[in-house]
C-alpha atoms as a PDB file:
ATOM      1  CA  MET A   1      -0.143   0.322   0.009  1.00  0.00           C
ATOM      2  CA  ARG A   2       1.341   3.422  -1.016  1.00  0.00           C
ATOM      3  CA  ASN A   3       1.261   6.090   1.820  1.00  0.00           C
ATOM      4  CA  VAL A   4      -0.203   9.310   1.256  1.00  0.00           C
ATOM      5  CA  THR A   5      -1.036  12.923   2.364  1.00  0.00           C
ATOM      6  CA  SER A   6      -4.387  14.227   1.504  1.00  0.00           C
ATOM      7  CA  VAL A   7      -3.701  16.733  -1.427  1.00  0.00           C
ATOM      8  CA  SER A   8      -7.324  17.985  -0.361  1.00  0.00           C
ATOM      9  CA  LEU A   9      -6.400  18.388   3.071  1.00  0.00           C
ATOM     10  CA  LEU A  10      -3.169  20.152   1.990  1.00  0.00           C
ATOM     11  CA  TYR A  11      -5.339  22.563   0.094  1.00  0.00           C
ATOM     12  CA  ARG A  12      -7.845  22.919   2.989  1.00  0.00           C
ATOM     13  CA  ILE A  13      -5.133  23.888   5.698  1.00  0.00           C
ATOM     14  CA  ARG A  14      -4.330  27.049   3.214  1.00  0.00           C
ATOM     15  CA  ASN A  15      -7.449  28.290   4.739  1.00  0.00           C
ATOM     16  CA  GLN A  16      -6.460  29.471   8.209  1.00  0.00           C
ATOM     17  CA  SER A  17     -10.005  29.416   9.613  1.00  0.00           C
ATOM     18  CA  ASP A  18     -10.682  25.675   8.474  1.00  0.00           C
ATOM     19  CA  THR A  19     -10.012  24.446  11.965  1.00  0.00           C
ATOM     20  CA  ASP A  20     -11.189  20.894  11.245  1.00  0.00           C
ATOM     21  CA  ALA A  21      -8.395  20.534   8.610  1.00  0.00           C
ATOM     22  CA  TRP A  22      -5.816  21.907  11.053  1.00  0.00           C
ATOM     23  CA  ASP A  23      -6.930  19.513  13.507  1.00  0.00           C
ATOM     24  CA  GLU A  24      -6.478  16.755  11.453  1.00  0.00           C
ATOM     25  CA  PHE A  25      -3.197  17.721   9.898  1.00  0.00           C
ATOM     26  CA  ALA A  26      -1.932  18.412  13.663  1.00  0.00           C
ATOM     27  CA  GLU A  27      -3.090  15.176  14.925  1.00  0.00           C
ATOM     28  CA  LEU A  28      -0.698  13.462  12.240  1.00  0.00           C
ATOM     29  CA  TYR A  29       1.870  15.722  11.804  1.00  0.00           C
ATOM     30  CA  TYR A  30       2.690  17.222  15.317  1.00  0.00           C
ATOM     31  CA  ALA A  31       3.024  13.811  16.864  1.00  0.00           C
ATOM     32  CA  LEU A  32       4.981  12.513  13.890  1.00  0.00           C
ATOM     33  CA  VAL A  33       7.731  15.179  13.768  1.00  0.00           C
ATOM     34  CA  HIS A  34       7.715  14.961  17.567  1.00  0.00           C
ATOM     35  CA  ARG A  35       8.221  11.315  17.746  1.00  0.00           C
ATOM     36  CA  TRP A  36      10.961  11.478  14.976  1.00  0.00           C
ATOM     37  CA  LEU A  37      13.034  14.209  16.722  1.00  0.00           C
ATOM     38  CA  ARG A  38      13.038  12.312  19.808  1.00  0.00           C
ATOM     39  CA  GLY A  39      14.115   9.613  18.240  1.00  0.00           C
ATOM     40  CA  GLN A  40      17.068  11.159  16.837  1.00  0.00           C
ATOM     41  CA  GLY A  41      17.967  12.130  20.374  1.00  0.00           C
ATOM     42  CA  VAL A  42      16.789  15.595  20.428  1.00  0.00           C
ATOM     43  CA  GLN A  43      15.824  16.750  24.286  1.00  0.00           C
ATOM     44  CA  PRO A  44      11.989  16.788  25.111  1.00  0.00           C
ATOM     45  CA  GLN A  45      11.825  20.708  25.314  1.00  0.00           C
ATOM     46  CA  ASP A  46      13.800  21.307  22.237  1.00  0.00           C
ATOM     47  CA  ALA A  47      11.580  18.818  20.098  1.00  0.00           C
ATOM     48  CA  ASP A  48       8.509  20.771  21.646  1.00  0.00           C
ATOM     49  CA  ASP A  49      10.041  23.975  20.289  1.00  0.00           C
ATOM     50  CA  ILE A  50      11.161  22.599  16.963  1.00  0.00           C
ATOM     51  CA  VAL A  51       7.735  21.271  16.169  1.00  0.00           C
ATOM     52  CA  GLN A  52       6.144  24.520  17.260  1.00  0.00           C
ATOM     53  CA  GLU A  53       8.469  26.169  14.527  1.00  0.00           C
ATOM     54  CA  VAL A  54       7.860  23.382  11.921  1.00  0.00           C
ATOM     55  CA  MET A  55       4.010  23.853  12.398  1.00  0.00           C
ATOM     56  CA  ALA A  56       4.196  27.613  12.270  1.00  0.00           C
ATOM     57  CA  TYR A  57       6.339  27.603   9.245  1.00  0.00           C
ATOM     58  CA  VAL A  58       3.636  25.058   7.331  1.00  0.00           C
ATOM     59  CA  SER A  59       1.059  27.393   8.591  1.00  0.00           C
ATOM     60  CA  ARG A  60       2.465  30.399   6.737  1.00  0.00           C
ATOM     61  CA  GLU A  61       4.178  28.811   3.939  1.00  0.00           C
ATOM     62  CA  ILE A  62       1.722  26.182   2.769  1.00  0.00           C
ATOM     63  CA  GLY A  63       0.350  28.593   0.182  1.00  0.00           C
ATOM     64  CA  SER A  64       3.452  28.573  -1.473  1.00  0.00           C
ATOM     65  CA  PHE A  65       3.803  24.704  -1.567  1.00  0.00           C
ATOM     66  CA  ASP A  66       2.730  23.575  -5.044  1.00  0.00           C
ATOM     67  CA  HIS A  67       2.111  19.889  -5.424  1.00  0.00           C
ATOM     68  CA  ASN A  68       3.619  18.263  -8.397  1.00  0.00           C
ATOM     69  CA  GLY A  69       1.424  15.132  -8.077  1.00  0.00           C
ATOM     70  CA  ARG A  70       4.567  12.898  -7.565  1.00  0.00           C
ATOM     71  CA  THR A  71       4.355  10.694  -4.701  1.00  0.00           C
ATOM     72  CA  GLY A  72       6.105  11.859  -1.597  1.00  0.00           C
ATOM     73  CA  ALA A  73       6.206  15.562  -2.538  1.00  0.00           C
ATOM     74  CA  PHE A  74       4.857  16.706   0.489  1.00  0.00           C
ATOM     75  CA  ARG A  75       6.858  14.569   2.684  1.00  0.00           C
ATOM     76  CA  HIS A  76       9.865  15.892   0.855  1.00  0.00           C
ATOM     77  CA  TRP A  77       8.688  19.560   1.320  1.00  0.00           C
ATOM     78  CA  LEU A  78       8.221  18.885   4.933  1.00  0.00           C
ATOM     79  CA  ARG A  79      11.585  17.281   5.366  1.00  0.00           C
ATOM     80  CA  GLN A  80      13.164  20.356   3.952  1.00  0.00           C
ATOM     81  CA  VAL A  81      11.031  22.693   6.193  1.00  0.00           C
ATOM     82  CA  MET A  82      12.232  20.519   9.132  1.00  0.00           C
ATOM     83  CA  VAL A  83      15.913  20.740   7.892  1.00  0.00           C
ATOM     84  CA  ASN A  84      15.766  24.471   8.025  1.00  0.00           C
ATOM     85  CA  ARG A  85      14.190  24.747  11.190  1.00  0.00           C
ATOM     86  CA  LEU A  86      16.628  22.376  12.917  1.00  0.00           C
ATOM     87  CA  ARG A  87      19.508  24.688  11.464  1.00  0.00           C
ATOM     88  CA  GLU A  88      17.869  28.000  12.755  1.00  0.00           C
ATOM     89  CA  PHE A  89      17.212  26.277  16.106  1.00  0.00           C
ATOM     90  CA  TRP A  90      20.698  25.375  16.536  1.00  0.00           C
ATOM     91  CA  LYS A  91      22.196  28.762  15.194  1.00  0.00           C
ATOM     92  CA  ALA A  92      19.979  30.616  17.772  1.00  0.00           C
ATOM     93  CA  ARG A  93      21.219  27.970  20.489  1.00  0.00           C
ATOM     94  CA  ARG A  94      24.944  28.404  19.710  1.00  0.00           C
ATOM     95  CA  ARG A  95      24.301  32.322  19.601  1.00  0.00           C
ATOM     96  CA  LYS A  96      23.336  31.968  23.159  1.00  0.00           C
ATOM     97  CA  GLY A  97      25.887  29.722  24.180  1.00  0.00           C
ATOM     98  CA  GLY A  98      23.696  26.633  24.522  1.00  0.00           C
ATOM     99  CA  GLY A  99      24.773  23.034  24.129  1.00  0.00           C
ATOM    100  CA  GLY A 100      22.923  19.773  23.918  1.00  0.00           C
ATOM    101  CA  THR A 101      22.274  17.500  20.668  1.00  0.00           C
ATOM    102  CA  ASP A 102      24.314  18.696  17.704  1.00  0.00           C
ATOM    103  CA  LEU A 103      21.167  19.888  15.687  1.00  0.00           C
ATOM    104  CA  GLY A 104      23.588  20.982  12.982  1.00  0.00           C
ATOM    105  CA  ASP A 105      24.812  17.564  12.263  1.00  0.00           C
ATOM    106  CA  LEU A 106      21.185  16.143  12.196  1.00  0.00           C
ATOM    107  CA  SER A 107      19.842  18.980   9.865  1.00  0.00           C
ATOM    108  CA  ASP A 108      22.974  17.772   7.498  1.00  0.00           C
ATOM    109  CA  GLN A 109      22.107  14.497   7.758  1.00  0.00           C
ATOM    110  CA  LEU A 110      18.270  15.075   7.352  1.00  0.00           C
ATOM    111  CA  ALA A 111      19.094  17.265   4.227  1.00  0.00           C
ATOM    112  CA  ASP A 112      20.871  14.338   2.463  1.00  0.00           C
ATOM    113  CA  GLY A 113      18.007  12.346   1.030  1.00  0.00           C
ATOM    114  CA  ARG A 114      20.079   9.111   0.859  1.00  0.00           C
ATOM    115  CA  SER A 115      21.220   9.118   4.502  1.00  0.00           C
ATOM    116  CA  GLY A 116      20.021   6.806   7.121  1.00  0.00           C
ATOM    117  CA  VAL A 117      18.325   9.849   9.054  1.00  0.00           C
ATOM    118  CA  SER A 118      16.190  10.446   5.770  1.00  0.00           C
ATOM    119  CA  ARG A 119      15.510   6.926   5.059  1.00  0.00           C
ATOM    120  CA  VAL A 120      14.224   6.831   8.898  1.00  0.00           C
ATOM    121  CA  TRP A 121      12.208  10.172   8.542  1.00  0.00           C
ATOM    122  CA  ARG A 122      10.467   8.718   5.098  1.00  0.00           C
ATOM    123  CA  ALA A 123       9.713   5.104   7.051  1.00  0.00           C
ATOM    124  CA  GLU A 124       8.276   6.858  10.250  1.00  0.00           C
ATOM    125  CA  HIS A 125       6.285   9.432   8.100  1.00  0.00           C
ATOM    126  CA  ASP A 126       4.896   6.087   6.098  1.00  0.00           C
ATOM    127  CA  ARG A 127       4.141   4.314   8.833  1.00  0.00           C
ATOM    128  CA  SER A 128       2.461   6.948  10.754  1.00  0.00           C
ATOM    129  CA  VAL A 129       0.334   7.770   7.761  1.00  0.00           C
ATOM    130  CA  LEU A 130      -0.608   4.414   7.206  1.00  0.00           C
ATOM    131  CA  GLU A 131      -1.467   4.103  10.820  1.00  0.00           C
ATOM    132  CA  HIS A 132      -3.765   7.225  10.594  1.00  0.00           C
ATOM    133  CA  LEU A 133      -5.716   5.578   7.788  1.00  0.00           C
ATOM    134  CA  MET A 134      -5.854   2.188   9.478  1.00  0.00           C
ATOM    135  CA  SER A 135      -7.251   3.900  12.580  1.00  0.00           C
ATOM    136  CA  ALA A 136      -9.941   5.523  10.104  1.00  0.00           C
ATOM    137  CA  VAL A 137     -11.153   2.006   9.125  1.00  0.00           C
ATOM    138  CA  SER A 138     -10.636   0.067  12.167  1.00  0.00           C
ATOM    139  CA  GLY A 139     -14.249   0.310  13.681  1.00  0.00           C
ATOM    140  CA  ARG A 140     -15.530  -1.253  10.341  1.00  0.00           C
ATOM    141  CA  PHE A 141     -13.985  -4.566  10.802  1.00  0.00           C
ATOM    142  CA  GLN A 142     -13.255  -7.379  13.670  1.00  0.00           C
ATOM    143  CA  GLU A 143      -9.858  -7.522  15.288  1.00  0.00           C
ATOM    144  CA  GLN A 144      -8.916 -10.886  13.172  1.00  0.00           C
ATOM    145  CA  SER A 145      -9.768  -9.196   9.791  1.00  0.00           C
ATOM    146  CA  LEU A 146      -7.201  -6.467  10.863  1.00  0.00           C
ATOM    147  CA  HIS A 147      -4.538  -8.754  11.838  1.00  0.00           C
ATOM    148  CA  ALA A 148      -4.887 -10.957   8.840  1.00  0.00           C
ATOM    149  CA  PHE A 149      -4.530  -7.557   6.634  1.00  0.00           C
ATOM    150  CA  ARG A 150      -1.454  -6.576   8.627  1.00  0.00           C
ATOM    151  CA  GLY A 151      -0.003 -10.077   8.240  1.00  0.00           C
ATOM    152  CA  LEU A 152      -0.491 -10.215   4.416  1.00  0.00           C
ATOM    153  CA  ALA A 153      -0.013  -6.728   3.381  1.00  0.00           C
ATOM    154  CA  LEU A 154       2.151  -5.084   5.885  1.00  0.00           C
ATOM    155  CA  GLU A 155       4.258  -7.889   7.130  1.00  0.00           C
ATOM    156  CA  GLN A 156       4.392  -9.639   3.830  1.00  0.00           C
ATOM    157  CA  ARG A 157       4.040 -12.934   5.581  1.00  0.00           C
ATOM    158  CA  PRO A 158       2.568 -16.147   3.810  1.00  0.00           C
ATOM    159  CA  ALA A 159      -1.186 -16.533   3.662  1.00  0.00           C
ATOM    160  CA  GLU A 160      -0.880 -20.000   5.091  1.00  0.00           C
ATOM    161  CA  GLU A 161       1.251 -18.806   7.903  1.00  0.00           C
ATOM    162  CA  VAL A 162      -1.328 -15.991   8.954  1.00  0.00           C
ATOM    163  CA  ALA A 163      -4.253 -18.219   8.346  1.00  0.00           C
ATOM    164  CA  ALA A 164      -2.878 -20.860  10.835  1.00  0.00           C
ATOM    165  CA  GLU A 165      -2.040 -18.136  13.278  1.00  0.00           C
ATOM    166  CA  LEU A 166      -5.304 -16.752  13.179  1.00  0.00           C
ATOM    167  CA  GLY A 167      -7.456 -19.992  13.020  1.00  0.00           C
ATOM    168  CA  MET A 168      -8.947 -19.049   9.689  1.00  0.00           C
ATOM    169  CA  SER A 169      -8.717 -20.383   6.144  1.00  0.00           C
ATOM    170  CA  VAL A 170      -6.407 -19.093   3.580  1.00  0.00           C
ATOM    171  CA  GLY A 171      -9.302 -17.861   1.598  1.00  0.00           C
ATOM    172  CA  ALA A 172     -10.658 -15.990   4.522  1.00  0.00           C
ATOM    173  CA  VAL A 173      -7.514 -14.426   5.319  1.00  0.00           C
ATOM    174  CA  ARG A 174      -7.197 -13.058   1.567  1.00  0.00           C
ATOM    175  CA  VAL A 175     -10.988 -11.812   1.641  1.00  0.00           C
ATOM    176  CA  ALA A 176     -10.168 -10.029   4.967  1.00  0.00           C
ATOM    177  CA  GLN A 177      -7.304  -8.252   3.296  1.00  0.00           C
ATOM    178  CA  CYS A 178      -9.187  -7.233   0.187  1.00  0.00           C
ATOM    179  CA  ARG A 179     -12.038  -5.818   2.171  1.00  0.00           C
ATOM    180  CA  VAL A 180      -9.431  -3.800   4.584  1.00  0.00           C
ATOM    181  CA  LEU A 181      -7.790  -2.518   1.565  1.00  0.00           C
ATOM    182  CA  GLN A 182     -10.809  -1.702  -0.197  1.00  0.00           C
ATOM    183  CA  ALA A 183     -12.141   0.416   3.108  1.00  0.00           C
ATOM    184  CA  LEU A 184      -8.546   1.857   3.198  1.00  0.00           C
ATOM    185  CA  ARG A 185      -8.716   2.973  -0.534  1.00  0.00           C
ATOM    186  CA  GLU A 186     -12.189   4.618   0.310  1.00  0.00           C
ATOM    187  CA  VAL A 187     -10.859   6.471   3.211  1.00  0.00           C
ATOM    188  CA  SER A 188      -7.840   7.881   1.201  1.00  0.00           C
ATOM    189  CA  ASP A 189      -9.861   8.744  -1.972  1.00  0.00           C
ATOM    190  CA  GLY A 190      -8.157  11.821  -3.092  1.00  0.00           C
ATOM    191  CA  TRP A 191      -4.839  11.110  -1.225  1.00  0.00           C
ATOM    192  CA  ILE A 192      -2.006  11.044  -3.617  1.00  0.00           C
ATOM    193  CA  ASP A 193       1.163  11.805  -1.821  1.00  0.00           C
END
């Protein structure tokens, strides 16, 4: 399953008064950016401050973001926003004589799209977006069907193994996978990033 950010959501957040759009955006991206920063060793208070700066920048500049229709365009733009916010935060801290995590090095690694840090960012982004979509459809299915989907589609385990683990037939596991996938396609209609 391709992971996505809703282009319609990106257009909706351009309207500062659309609080529902901003709530939806923040629900996913505030937690994602904070979790990623903490995973890179950034101190909690610094992570809070950087996330605030990232979200403020997105709020101000989303109107200049022009989605080119390519998969990952927003994820890439947001990564660049994070690089720049990390660099600015690090420069401000150094001017004040502060220490802590070397955010300059972290921003340089994140700027390199081939670095391990960038790969971690992409993986974390995609996992978070998929989890967001999964939570949107979870109420439609029994837990067993969701486990079948995860086993086949996400973990890419053999259908026979998943079926045996869940006490289902192989056919039932495949039907569950198709139904959950169809529901994910429905909730992500119009999402192309």
